[in-house]
């Protein structure tokens, strides 16, 4: 899904949790992790390369280590009151009306004592997820916190904020707070972060970065900042700040033509391109038993893309049919001198594409099989992966749709009558066949010239779905 370039984080909670869980699950077979991870990583890198999110206003790609460090290092302490007049940071214009630079100068006179972060106060019911460092309360408000130390080679910690619509320097207890609010035009979804905040400590080269969603108030940010403090430690938990992440230059996408693929038909048995008689993990075959299109969720269980229970009622009309996707299109500002602006809306009818698949373990050991088919669409003489809604014609426009949660280029539903871990069917015995069903939400006019990579991982053997309109 192409998002606004000033989205705060390239993945939603579901996607991010899936990545973390997949990466560190204790029961994953090596081949399941390595192939799924590699393919998912490539998809996400492709999404970021295709999108100007490379220059998003919240530089969070660098900060995973710092976020996890915060989650691991946090010690909640009683509220303390401090008094200080030392100002440790300031804003300066970054080159345009909506671009600001936050600057926290390095203090060359402080000791080399390692310090840990202490959090003295958080809003009621805010709890942290150690895997991501993000705080969240039951109402959905969220705060992400990152802990840094200025590199000895840096003269200052300098952070650029694009799309800034207001900014001010605050003193909260003994801490200096650089508080910026950013424009949220075109942002949608569970987490809309509009506050980019840095907290600098007196007589220290440590700093904390906070991102907060629209529901978190300025008063709450001030109280959090006032009650952040440092304590001596034997272990360094801050990430070294050595400048903003450098913008990555996207390479040229490899183009695959129809003639590069082996085309099979529905009902044919497909072997993995990696099928190897000497590799016990790659001897899997799959067959697409049937594919159908419907305008409702009838006959499908209320589960998500990894088989967890979910509620699809919000996506249905009163008569049980799938709602249209209402898409709002925006022109993209540069975040420096211009902001994003709404330009049009469109309503796009939707259909549910259902696949029934059979997988067979052809090796001599019990193994786990990943159910991870993808769709491809013929464009001229090419086959392109991941047909998704809101695909821009160029980098000057993007859109958000009311059904974005279900339309991100992959299946939104996975079900099987077998034991499974996420969308991996577990304990498949030698020679055993297992069945699974997946569903994709498609634009009504996307249902022609479709192909399916039913084994996943970018196979060169695909199944023709024909014209399903």
Foldseek 3Di string as FASTA:
>chain_A
DAAFLQFQDLDDPVVVVVLLCLQDPPPADPVVSVLVNVQVVVVSVVNCQQANVLPHQHQCPVFQLQLLLCLVQEDADAFDFADDDDAQWDWDAPFFDQKIKIKGFDDPPADPFAKTKYWHDAPPQFDADSNRNKTAHPVLKIKTKGKEFEDPVDRIAMGMGFQWPDWDWDCQRQKIKTWTFGDQVRDDDRFGWGIWMKIDHPRGRMIMIMTTGPVDDPVRVSSRNNRMDIDGDPDHSHHYDDYRDDRDNDDDDDFAFPVLFAEDAAQDKDAFPPDDQVDQPRGKIKGFNDKAKAFACPPHAQAWQQGHHDDPPVQADPVRGGAWKKKWKWFHDPRGHDHIDTDDIDTFRKMKMKIKMKMWRAGQAWFKAAFWKFKWADDPRTTHTQDFPQDDPGNGMTMDIPVVVQTGRGFTDKDFPADAGRRIGGGAHHGHMGMMMTMHMDGPVRQARMWMPRRDSPGRYIYTPHRRD
